[in-house]
Amino acid sequence: MVAVITTGALHGIESRLVEVEADVSNGLPCIDMVGSPGKEVREAKERVRVALKNSKITLPPMRITINLSPADLPKEGTGFDLPIAMALLAALGYLSVEHTTNVMIVGELGLAGEVKGIRGILPMAMEAKAKGIKKCIVPKSNASECAVVQGIEVIGVESLEQTLLYLQSDELKQREMIRPTVVDVESLFQRTQETWGMDYAEMGGQESIKRAMQIAAAGFHNILMIGPPGAGKTMAAKRLPGILPPLTLAESMEVSKIYSVAGLLGEDEILITKRPFMSPHHTVTQQALAGGGRTPQPGIISRSHKGILFLDEIVHFPSYILEILRQPMEDKKIYIMRNMGSCMFPADFMLVASMNPCPCGYYPDVNRCKCTPEKVRRYVERLSGPIIDRIDICIEAPKIKYQELNGRLTGSSSAMLREGVEQARNMQEKRYRGRNISFNGQLGPKEIEHFIVLDKAEEKYMEDIFHKMNLSSRSYHKVLKVARTIADLEGAEMIRREHLMEAVCYRGLEDKYREL
């Protein structure tokens, strides 16, 4: 008799359903496993055998064959333990077919028979629902995370024995044994949408930085700050999440899938409801940033999806690390190639970077800076042209004045800046409704041609700027996108000359240091 149990396998941040087939027949006692099992999956037969023994179930001395279908899909992870055990028990006659129809089973087994949590349960549950599965039996520690997917019954189990008794029972007794886990997603989402703790009001003055940050937040634009130590660059970056538009429920589910696959969701946080803010140290490795491993995992770039990737003192990051950003900044996704195949991870993040203008940090203050022009130029050139070309806004962070330091000048608060961002966000939402675009910063060349139309005077101005500043086509489009955001902040339908002039001011600042 062949018994079949449905489970899930991860591929990148997506999941595919897998059928675990078990057959018990006469022959030399052994357990054979086929169907492209990875190392952890091949080890499952020992965990299953011992877990069954310690759950008072003895395997007969027969030939057991386990097949994982589809066979061409690589299987990795420990979540196959429980479905293999249930398929084996079904083949031995402990379970009938009706007990396991339209049920997905996932979980790792301990040697004592306990069911342990796994990573990636959220995309598995989403795929199960899409394929018409009615019930998911998962580790109890994963039940709340799984229940975020509405319209599917979630049963959290603690042991192999409890799982077997549950499946052997009728529907009424099942309800008495284990209550389905239910999560009110909308209530959870609204309750956790709290205001970011840090406020721009804590930054005295520095209105030019705040203005640039407001534009970046409103249009989801990449931004670079150049200024001396203590000018407030890091303070400005850390307060940026407080003025960003909140995640939508759809975006929250998308980001949560990434964190689920990375094993970063748990009972304390079953849904990501705030835009991520990642700030790696400059010693970060390529794999940590981009993701990877034998079984590819999302890296910092992907965990910044729909949020902020902050690189403090960006020129101290090795060039080979920074060049990793080029493709994801352009394509909004990153591909990880391994022998087992390729995985795609989302990478639609906002790059926020800061740097000093020279090695000592005080150029052009001749009283404090002792760097030669050649040193300044070499320092700035650590940031390559292709990376600079992908940055929308470049702003100079001036030295803080005494009046700003002693609190006499407070300037704009996060609440004031957020009000303008929300207005701009509403205009963009209305403009791009029905398209896979949320912010001006996400516009491609075709969308720019369709949505950004200039009058003759503004078009002539941009033609002059294009030649005078020797802009690339990408830089030209960046200016248009930033100008569109500036117009949205003012509630203007058409882009005017003053909007273009301000956007142009945010280009070419780095050339001030390169051309020394």
Protein backbone atom coordinates (compact mmCIF):
# COMPACT_ATOMS: atom_id res chain seq x y z
CA MET A 1 0.00 0.00 0.00
CA VAL A 2 1.30 3.45 -0.94
CA ALA A 3 0.37 6.30 1.43
CA VAL A 4 0.64 9.98 0.46
CA ILE A 5 1.06 13.03 2.73
CA THR A 6 1.22 16.61 1.45
CA THR A 7 3.92 18.95 2.75
CA GLY A 8 5.81 22.05 1.56
CA ALA A 9 9.31 22.81 0.28
CA LEU A 10 11.01 26.19 0.08
CA HIS A 11 12.63 27.63 -3.03
CA GLY A 12 13.89 31.13 -2.34
CA ILE A 13 11.00 32.91 -0.63
CA GLU A 14 8.42 30.85 -2.49
CA SER A 15 7.09 27.41 -1.63
CA ARG A 16 5.97 24.39 -3.61
CA LEU A 17 3.80 21.56 -2.36
CA VAL A 18 5.51 18.18 -2.14
CA GLU A 19 3.91 14.74 -1.88
CA VAL A 20 5.60 12.37 0.56
CA GLU A 21 4.91 8.84 -0.66
CA ALA A 22 5.62 5.85 1.58
CA ASP A 23 5.58 2.15 0.64
CA VAL A 24 6.15 -0.82 2.96
CA SER A 25 6.94 -4.20 1.40
CA ASN A 26 8.67 -7.50 2.10
CA GLY A 27 12.44 -7.55 1.73
CA LEU A 28 15.60 -6.72 3.61
CA PRO A 29 14.81 -4.28 6.47
CA CYS A 30 15.88 -0.80 5.43
CA ILE A 31 14.63 2.72 4.76
CA ASP A 32 15.36 4.06 1.28
CA MET A 33 14.70 7.73 0.51
CA VAL A 34 14.52 9.09 -3.06
CA GLY A 35 13.38 12.31 -4.73
CA SER A 36 16.36 14.71 -4.49
CA PRO A 37 16.62 14.82 -0.69
CA GLY A 38 19.22 17.17 0.78
CA LYS A 39 21.50 16.36 3.70
CA GLU A 40 18.96 17.31 6.43
CA VAL A 41 16.20 15.39 4.65
CA ARG A 42 18.34 12.23 4.31
CA GLU A 43 18.98 12.43 8.06
CA ALA A 44 15.22 12.46 8.66
CA LYS A 45 14.95 8.65 8.48
CA GLU A 46 17.02 8.32 11.67
CA ARG A 47 15.10 11.04 13.50
CA VAL A 48 11.80 9.49 12.41
CA ARG A 49 12.84 5.97 13.41
CA VAL A 50 13.95 6.99 16.91
CA ALA A 51 10.99 9.37 17.41
CA LEU A 52 8.56 6.55 16.53
CA LYS A 53 10.34 4.18 18.94
CA ASN A 54 10.12 6.72 21.77
CA SER A 55 6.44 7.26 20.94
CA LYS A 56 5.88 3.52 21.54
CA ILE A 57 5.54 2.66 17.85
CA THR A 58 7.84 -0.09 16.56
CA LEU A 59 8.65 -0.33 12.89
CA PRO A 60 8.33 -3.84 11.44
CA PRO A 61 11.44 -5.42 9.85
CA MET A 62 10.39 -4.62 6.29
CA ARG A 63 11.66 -2.68 3.28
CA ILE A 64 10.45 0.94 3.47
CA THR A 65 10.67 3.33 0.51
CA ILE A 66 10.05 7.07 0.85
CA ASN A 67 9.65 9.18 -2.32
CA LEU A 68 9.48 12.97 -2.34
CA SER A 69 7.56 14.15 -5.40
CA PRO A 70 8.25 16.05 -7.65
CA ALA A 71 11.60 14.29 -7.73
CA ASP A 72 13.39 17.03 -9.70
CA LEU A 73 12.81 19.67 -6.98
CA PRO A 74 15.69 19.81 -4.44
CA LYS A 75 14.42 19.22 -0.90
CA GLU A 76 16.20 20.95 1.97
CA GLY A 77 15.46 21.57 5.63
CA THR A 78 14.06 19.61 8.56
CA GLY A 79 10.35 20.25 7.96
CA PHE A 80 9.97 16.89 6.20
CA ASP A 81 10.36 14.85 9.42
CA LEU A 82 6.72 14.92 10.56
CA PRO A 83 5.15 14.30 7.11
CA ILE A 84 7.55 11.38 6.52
CA ALA A 85 6.53 9.89 9.88
CA MET A 86 2.82 10.31 9.09
CA ALA A 87 3.21 8.83 5.59
CA LEU A 88 5.01 5.85 7.09
CA LEU A 89 2.28 5.35 9.70
CA ALA A 90 -0.39 5.63 7.00
CA ALA A 91 1.40 2.95 4.95
CA LEU A 92 1.46 0.72 8.04
CA GLY A 93 -2.31 1.14 8.48
CA TYR A 94 -2.41 3.56 11.40
CA LEU A 95 -4.20 6.20 9.29
CA SER A 96 -6.78 6.00 6.52
CA VAL A 97 -6.85 8.13 3.36
CA GLU A 98 -9.71 10.36 4.54
CA HIS A 99 -7.68 11.39 7.59
CA THR A 100 -5.01 13.07 5.45
CA THR A 101 -6.94 14.40 2.43
CA ASN A 102 -6.60 18.17 1.88
CA VAL A 103 -4.16 18.40 4.80
CA MET A 104 -0.63 19.81 4.72
CA ILE A 105 1.73 18.54 7.43
CA VAL A 106 5.06 20.20 8.27
CA GLY A 107 7.44 19.92 11.21
CA GLU A 108 10.78 18.78 12.58
CA LEU A 109 10.97 15.87 15.01
CA GLY A 110 13.14 15.54 18.09
CA LEU A 111 14.33 12.12 19.20
CA ALA A 112 11.77 12.06 22.03
CA GLY A 113 8.95 12.60 19.50
CA GLU A 114 8.48 16.32 20.14
CA VAL A 115 7.60 18.55 17.16
CA LYS A 116 9.94 21.50 16.71
CA GLY A 117 9.44 24.74 14.81
CA ILE A 118 10.83 25.37 11.34
CA ARG A 119 11.50 28.42 9.17
CA GLY A 120 9.47 29.45 6.13
CA ILE A 121 6.04 28.35 7.38
CA LEU A 122 4.33 31.51 6.06
CA PRO A 123 5.07 30.99 2.32
CA MET A 124 4.18 27.29 2.76
CA ALA A 125 0.77 28.21 4.19
CA MET A 126 0.19 30.74 1.40
CA GLU A 127 0.97 28.10 -1.25
CA ALA A 128 -1.24 25.55 0.52
CA LYS A 129 -4.18 27.95 0.46
CA ALA A 130 -3.56 28.75 -3.23
CA LYS A 131 -3.66 25.01 -4.03
CA GLY A 132 -6.94 24.41 -2.16
CA ILE A 133 -5.57 22.80 1.01
CA LYS A 134 -8.10 23.17 3.85
CA LYS A 135 -5.99 22.37 6.91
CA CYS A 136 -2.35 22.83 7.99
CA ILE A 137 -0.82 20.76 10.80
CA VAL A 138 2.30 22.60 11.95
CA PRO A 139 4.53 22.89 15.04
CA LYS A 140 2.76 24.75 17.81
CA SER A 141 5.52 27.38 17.86
CA ASN A 142 4.74 28.14 14.18
CA ALA A 143 0.93 28.07 14.50
CA SER A 144 0.38 31.83 14.97
CA GLU A 145 2.68 32.67 12.06
CA CYS A 146 0.84 30.15 9.86
CA ALA A 147 -2.57 31.49 10.95
CA VAL A 148 -1.71 34.90 9.47
CA VAL A 149 -2.90 33.33 6.20
CA GLN A 150 -6.68 33.66 6.36
CA GLY A 151 -9.08 31.01 5.06
CA ILE A 152 -7.14 27.94 6.14
CA GLU A 153 -7.49 25.93 9.38
CA VAL A 154 -4.27 25.84 11.40
CA ILE A 155 -3.59 23.12 13.97
CA GLY A 156 -0.53 23.51 16.20
CA VAL A 157 0.88 20.21 17.50
CA GLU A 158 3.54 19.49 20.11
CA SER A 159 4.42 15.83 19.56
CA LEU A 160 4.29 12.99 17.06
CA GLU A 161 1.92 11.06 19.32
CA GLN A 162 -0.47 14.01 19.59
CA THR A 163 -0.44 14.41 15.79
CA LEU A 164 -1.28 10.73 15.28
CA LEU A 165 -4.13 10.77 17.82
CA TYR A 166 -5.52 13.94 16.23
CA LEU A 167 -5.56 12.47 12.73
CA GLN A 168 -7.11 9.24 13.96
CA SER A 169 -10.03 11.07 15.60
CA ASP A 170 -13.31 12.20 14.08
CA GLU A 171 -14.00 15.90 13.50
CA LEU A 172 -15.87 16.41 16.80
CA LYS A 173 -13.09 14.87 18.88
CA GLN A 174 -10.47 16.80 16.94
CA ARG A 175 -12.15 20.07 18.00
CA GLU A 176 -12.00 18.92 21.62
CA MET A 177 -8.34 17.91 21.39
CA ILE A 178 -6.82 20.96 19.70
CA ARG A 179 -8.49 24.26 18.95
CA PRO A 180 -7.52 25.81 15.62
CA THR A 181 -5.19 28.80 15.96
CA VAL A 182 -6.85 32.04 14.84
CA VAL A 183 -5.17 35.41 14.27
CA ASP A 184 -7.07 38.64 13.59
CA VAL A 185 -4.61 40.02 11.04
CA GLU A 186 -6.26 43.41 10.49
CA SER A 187 -6.49 44.06 14.24
CA LEU A 188 -2.87 42.95 14.72
CA PHE A 189 -1.75 45.10 11.81
CA GLN A 190 -3.51 48.23 13.09
CA ARG A 191 -2.40 47.69 16.69
CA THR A 192 1.27 47.44 15.82
CA GLN A 193 1.38 50.46 13.46
CA GLU A 194 2.98 52.65 16.10
CA THR A 195 4.83 55.90 15.55
CA TRP A 196 8.61 55.61 15.28
CA GLY A 197 10.21 56.53 18.61
CA MET A 198 12.77 59.10 17.35
CA ASP A 199 11.69 62.56 16.20
CA TYR A 200 13.29 65.09 13.84
CA ALA A 201 12.43 67.76 16.42
CA GLU A 202 15.43 66.43 18.36
CA MET A 203 17.63 67.70 15.55
CA GLY A 204 18.06 71.42 16.07
CA GLY A 205 17.83 73.24 12.75
CA GLN A 206 19.46 71.37 9.84
CA GLU A 207 16.39 72.15 7.74
CA SER A 208 18.15 71.35 4.46
CA ILE A 209 18.78 67.77 5.59
CA LYS A 210 15.20 67.42 6.83
CA ARG A 211 13.88 68.72 3.53
CA ALA A 212 15.97 66.19 1.59
CA MET A 213 14.80 63.41 3.91
CA GLN A 214 11.17 64.42 3.40
CA ILE A 215 11.59 64.24 -0.39
CA ALA A 216 13.36 60.87 -0.11
CA ALA A 217 10.58 59.49 2.10
CA ALA A 218 7.78 60.83 -0.10
CA GLY A 219 9.16 59.28 -3.30
CA PHE A 220 11.23 56.37 -1.91
CA HIS A 221 14.40 57.89 -3.36
CA ASN A 222 17.99 56.81 -2.62
CA ILE A 223 19.89 59.51 -0.75
CA LEU A 224 23.53 60.30 0.12
CA MET A 225 24.59 62.77 2.83
CA ILE A 226 28.07 64.34 2.78
CA GLY A 227 29.28 66.30 5.77
CA PRO A 228 31.73 66.56 8.69
CA PRO A 229 31.53 64.38 11.81
CA GLY A 230 28.75 65.42 14.17
CA ALA A 231 26.65 67.16 11.51
CA GLY A 232 23.66 64.92 12.23
CA LYS A 233 23.87 62.52 9.28
CA THR A 234 23.28 59.38 11.36
CA MET A 235 20.59 61.11 13.44
CA ALA A 236 18.75 62.07 10.26
CA ALA A 237 18.94 58.55 8.84
CA LYS A 238 17.70 56.87 12.03
CA ARG A 239 14.67 59.19 12.16
CA LEU A 240 13.70 58.59 8.53
CA PRO A 241 11.45 55.54 9.24
CA GLY A 242 9.28 57.84 11.38
CA ILE A 243 8.13 59.84 8.33
CA LEU A 244 7.89 57.00 5.80
CA PRO A 245 4.37 55.98 4.72
CA PRO A 246 3.27 52.91 6.72
CA LEU A 247 3.37 49.48 5.15
CA THR A 248 0.20 48.33 3.47
CA LEU A 249 -1.13 44.90 4.44
CA ALA A 250 0.00 43.47 1.09
CA GLU A 251 3.51 44.90 1.58
CA SER A 252 3.57 43.58 5.13
CA MET A 253 2.81 40.05 3.94
CA GLU A 254 5.50 40.34 1.27
CA VAL A 255 8.15 41.45 3.77
CA SER A 256 7.00 38.88 6.34
CA LYS A 257 7.60 36.07 3.83
CA ILE A 258 11.26 37.09 3.61
CA TYR A 259 11.65 37.17 7.38
CA SER A 260 9.83 33.85 7.71
CA VAL A 261 12.24 32.15 5.30
CA ALA A 262 15.16 33.71 7.19
CA GLY A 263 13.77 32.26 10.44
CA LEU A 264 13.32 35.72 11.99
CA LEU A 265 9.61 35.48 12.79
CA GLY A 266 8.38 33.94 16.02
CA GLU A 267 5.60 33.98 18.56
CA ASP A 268 6.62 37.51 19.65
CA GLU A 269 6.47 38.89 16.10
CA ILE A 270 4.38 36.92 13.61
CA LEU A 271 3.99 39.74 11.10
CA ILE A 272 6.33 42.56 10.03
CA THR A 273 4.23 45.71 10.34
CA LYS A 274 6.94 48.41 10.20
CA ARG A 275 9.26 49.20 7.33
CA PRO A 276 12.59 47.44 7.92
CA PHE A 277 15.66 49.47 8.84
CA MET A 278 18.94 47.61 8.29
CA SER A 279 22.30 49.18 9.15
CA PRO A 280 25.18 46.74 8.53
CA HIS A 281 28.73 47.42 9.68
CA HIS A 282 31.34 48.06 7.01
CA THR A 283 32.94 44.67 7.79
CA VAL A 284 29.84 42.85 6.49
CA THR A 285 30.58 39.89 4.19
CA GLN A 286 29.30 39.40 0.66
CA GLN A 287 27.10 36.48 1.70
CA ALA A 288 25.63 38.35 4.67
CA LEU A 289 24.75 41.31 2.45
CA ALA A 290 23.51 39.55 -0.69
CA GLY A 291 22.34 36.29 0.86
CA GLY A 292 23.38 32.78 -0.06
CA GLY A 293 24.68 29.63 1.54
CA ARG A 294 24.30 26.02 0.44
CA THR A 295 20.56 26.49 0.82
CA PRO A 296 20.19 30.16 -0.25
CA GLN A 297 18.94 32.47 2.49
CA PRO A 298 17.90 36.13 2.12
CA GLY A 299 20.64 38.57 3.08
CA ILE A 300 20.56 42.10 4.47
CA ILE A 301 19.65 43.52 1.05
CA SER A 302 16.48 41.41 0.89
CA ARG A 303 15.65 41.96 4.56
CA SER A 304 15.62 45.69 3.72
CA HIS A 305 12.82 45.11 1.18
CA LYS A 306 10.20 47.90 1.31
CA GLY A 307 12.37 49.62 3.92
CA ILE A 308 15.75 51.28 4.42
CA LEU A 309 19.30 50.03 3.92
CA PHE A 310 21.52 52.51 5.78
CA LEU A 311 25.25 52.46 5.03
CA ASP A 312 26.97 54.74 7.52
CA GLU A 313 30.33 56.02 6.23
CA ILE A 314 29.73 54.26 2.93
CA VAL A 315 33.26 54.82 1.57
CA HIS A 316 34.66 52.51 4.28
CA PHE A 317 32.76 49.58 2.78
CA PRO A 318 35.03 47.59 0.40
CA SER A 319 34.35 48.34 -3.26
CA TYR A 320 33.47 44.70 -4.02
CA ILE A 321 30.77 44.92 -1.33
CA LEU A 322 29.30 48.15 -2.71
CA GLU A 323 29.25 46.83 -6.27
CA ILE A 324 26.86 44.10 -5.10
CA LEU A 325 24.25 46.86 -4.75
CA ARG A 326 24.30 47.82 -8.43
CA GLN A 327 21.94 45.15 -9.78
CA PRO A 328 19.38 45.18 -6.91
CA MET A 329 19.23 49.00 -6.94
CA GLU A 330 18.30 48.83 -10.62
CA ASP A 331 16.17 45.65 -10.84
CA LYS A 332 14.68 45.68 -7.30
CA LYS A 333 15.58 42.00 -6.95
CA ILE A 334 18.70 39.90 -6.44
CA TYR A 335 19.52 36.49 -7.89
CA ILE A 336 21.54 33.89 -5.97
CA MET A 337 23.11 31.22 -8.19
CA ARG A 338 24.08 27.86 -6.71
CA ASN A 339 24.62 24.31 -7.99
CA MET A 340 21.10 23.38 -6.92
CA GLY A 341 19.68 26.20 -9.07
CA SER A 342 18.99 29.91 -8.81
CA CYS A 343 16.81 31.76 -6.31
CA MET A 344 15.33 35.23 -6.64
CA PHE A 345 14.92 37.40 -3.55
CA PRO A 346 13.06 40.77 -3.60
CA ALA A 347 15.28 43.81 -2.97
CA ASP A 348 13.16 46.95 -3.36
CA PHE A 349 14.89 49.05 -0.70
CA MET A 350 15.74 52.71 -0.19
CA LEU A 351 19.49 53.25 0.07
CA VAL A 352 20.43 55.87 2.66
CA ALA A 353 24.15 56.55 2.88
CA SER A 354 26.43 58.98 4.64
CA MET A 355 30.10 59.90 4.29
CA ASN A 356 32.68 62.45 5.33
CA PRO A 357 34.02 64.79 2.63
CA CYS A 358 37.67 63.77 3.24
CA PRO A 359 39.79 61.41 5.40
CA CYS A 360 39.88 63.79 8.37
CA GLY A 361 36.26 64.75 7.78
CA TYR A 362 36.48 68.55 7.85
CA TYR A 363 36.96 69.66 4.24
CA PRO A 364 36.49 72.48 3.13
CA ASP A 365 37.19 74.02 6.57
CA VAL A 366 40.81 75.09 5.97
CA ASN A 367 41.29 75.79 9.69
CA ARG A 368 40.72 72.13 10.57
CA CYS A 369 41.26 70.13 7.36
CA LYS A 370 44.87 69.26 6.53
CA CYS A 371 44.05 66.91 3.63
CA THR A 372 45.59 67.63 0.25
CA PRO A 373 43.26 67.95 -2.78
CA GLU A 374 44.59 64.61 -4.04
CA LYS A 375 43.65 62.90 -0.75
CA VAL A 376 40.15 64.38 -0.87
CA ARG A 377 39.67 63.27 -4.47
CA ARG A 378 40.88 59.72 -3.80
CA TYR A 379 38.69 59.48 -0.71
CA VAL A 380 35.52 60.45 -2.58
CA GLU A 381 36.41 58.23 -5.55
CA ARG A 382 36.05 55.15 -3.34
CA LEU A 383 32.39 55.53 -4.26
CA SER A 384 32.19 54.42 -7.89
CA GLY A 385 30.42 56.33 -10.64
CA PRO A 386 27.79 53.59 -11.25
CA ILE A 387 26.78 53.67 -7.57
CA ILE A 388 26.62 57.50 -7.54
CA ASP A 389 24.53 57.37 -10.73
CA ARG A 390 21.93 55.25 -8.90
CA ILE A 391 21.51 57.75 -6.06
CA ASP A 392 18.62 60.19 -6.54
CA ILE A 393 19.49 62.81 -3.92
CA CYS A 394 22.90 64.02 -2.76
CA ILE A 395 22.77 66.55 0.07
CA GLU A 396 25.52 68.38 1.96
CA ALA A 397 25.18 68.25 5.75
CA PRO A 398 26.63 71.52 7.07
CA LYS A 399 28.35 71.97 10.40
CA ILE A 400 25.85 72.53 13.22
CA LYS A 401 25.52 76.13 14.40
CA TYR A 402 25.62 77.16 18.06
CA GLN A 403 21.97 78.27 18.00
CA GLU A 404 20.99 74.82 16.77
CA LEU A 405 23.12 73.09 19.37
CA ASN A 406 21.67 74.89 22.40
CA GLY A 407 18.08 74.28 21.32
CA ARG A 408 17.12 77.78 20.23
CA LEU A 409 16.31 76.48 16.74
CA THR A 410 14.13 73.36 16.66
CA GLY A 411 12.72 73.47 13.15
CA SER A 412 10.51 70.80 11.62
CA SER A 413 9.32 67.82 13.63
CA SER A 414 8.62 64.32 12.30
CA ALA A 415 4.88 64.99 12.51
CA MET A 416 5.20 68.08 10.31
CA LEU A 417 7.34 66.27 7.75
CA ARG A 418 5.07 63.21 7.79
CA GLU A 419 2.06 65.38 6.93
CA GLY A 420 3.69 66.41 3.64
CA VAL A 421 4.81 62.84 2.93
CA GLU A 422 1.27 61.54 3.39
CA GLN A 423 -0.08 64.14 0.95
CA ALA A 424 2.50 63.16 -1.64
CA ARG A 425 1.81 59.46 -1.01
CA ASN A 426 -1.92 59.97 -1.59
CA MET A 427 -1.24 61.70 -4.91
CA GLN A 428 1.04 58.86 -6.00
CA GLU A 429 -1.44 56.22 -4.92
CA LYS A 430 -4.15 57.88 -7.02
CA ARG A 431 -1.82 58.38 -10.01
CA TYR A 432 -0.49 54.81 -10.11
CA ARG A 433 -3.66 52.95 -9.12
CA GLY A 434 -3.90 49.61 -10.89
CA ARG A 435 -0.16 49.45 -11.55
CA ASN A 436 2.62 47.71 -9.65
CA ILE A 437 4.02 51.09 -8.58
CA SER A 438 3.73 52.77 -5.17
CA PHE A 439 6.30 55.58 -5.30
CA ASN A 440 7.85 57.94 -7.85
CA GLY A 441 11.24 56.38 -7.14
CA GLN A 442 10.02 53.11 -8.67
CA LEU A 443 9.24 54.59 -12.09
CA GLY A 444 11.03 53.07 -15.07
CA PRO A 445 11.80 54.86 -18.36
CA LYS A 446 8.45 53.90 -19.93
CA GLU A 447 6.49 55.05 -16.88
CA ILE A 448 8.46 58.32 -16.77
CA GLU A 449 7.54 59.00 -20.39
CA HIS A 450 3.88 58.35 -19.60
CA PHE A 451 3.49 60.06 -16.21
CA ILE A 452 6.04 62.92 -16.30
CA VAL A 453 5.14 65.41 -19.01
CA LEU A 454 6.89 68.80 -19.08
CA ASP A 455 5.74 72.05 -20.65
CA LYS A 456 7.97 73.59 -23.33
CA ALA A 457 9.77 75.98 -20.97
CA GLU A 458 10.55 73.21 -18.46
CA GLU A 459 11.62 70.86 -21.25
CA LYS A 460 14.03 73.48 -22.60
CA TYR A 461 15.44 74.00 -19.10
CA MET A 462 16.07 70.26 -18.72
CA GLU A 463 17.73 70.12 -22.14
CA ASP A 464 20.16 72.84 -21.07
CA ILE A 465 20.83 71.09 -17.76
CA PHE A 466 21.40 67.76 -19.52
CA HIS A 467 24.20 69.22 -21.62
CA LYS A 468 25.63 71.56 -18.98
CA MET A 469 25.93 68.86 -16.28
CA ASN A 470 26.76 66.07 -18.77
CA LEU A 471 24.04 63.87 -17.26
CA SER A 472 23.63 60.21 -18.09
CA SER A 473 20.17 59.00 -19.10
CA ARG A 474 19.77 57.45 -15.66
CA SER A 475 20.73 60.73 -13.92
CA TYR A 476 18.32 62.65 -16.14
CA HIS A 477 15.48 60.33 -15.15
CA LYS A 478 16.48 60.64 -11.49
CA VAL A 479 16.09 64.44 -11.70
CA LEU A 480 12.63 64.07 -13.24
CA LYS A 481 11.50 61.58 -10.57
CA VAL A 482 12.74 63.79 -7.72
CA ALA A 483 11.05 66.83 -9.32
CA ARG A 484 7.80 64.86 -9.53
CA THR A 485 8.05 64.12 -5.81
CA ILE A 486 8.77 67.77 -4.97
CA ALA A 487 5.68 68.77 -6.96
CA ASP A 488 3.63 66.14 -5.09
CA LEU A 489 4.77 67.56 -1.75
CA GLU A 490 3.33 70.91 -2.85
CA GLY A 491 0.16 69.31 -4.22
CA ALA A 492 0.98 70.44 -7.78
CA GLU A 493 -0.28 68.42 -10.74
CA MET A 494 2.30 69.81 -13.17
CA ILE A 495 6.07 69.98 -12.62
CA ARG A 496 7.21 73.59 -12.65
CA ARG A 497 10.63 75.11 -13.18
CA GLU A 498 11.24 75.64 -9.45
CA HIS A 499 10.62 71.93 -8.83
CA LEU A 500 13.19 71.02 -11.47
CA MET A 501 15.68 73.54 -10.10
CA GLU A 502 15.50 72.05 -6.61
CA ALA A 503 15.84 68.51 -8.02
CA VAL A 504 18.90 69.57 -10.03
CA CYS A 505 20.49 70.93 -6.84
CA TYR A 506 20.53 67.38 -5.49
CA ARG A 507 22.73 66.14 -8.37
CA GLY A 508 26.46 66.53 -8.88
CA LEU A 509 27.42 67.49 -5.31
CA GLU A 510 30.03 64.69 -5.22
CA ASP A 511 31.74 66.30 -8.26
CA LYS A 512 32.67 69.22 -6.01
CA TYR A 513 35.14 66.87 -4.30
CA ARG A 514 36.10 64.73 -7.32
CA GLU A 515 37.26 67.70 -9.41
CA LEU A 516 39.78 69.05 -6.92
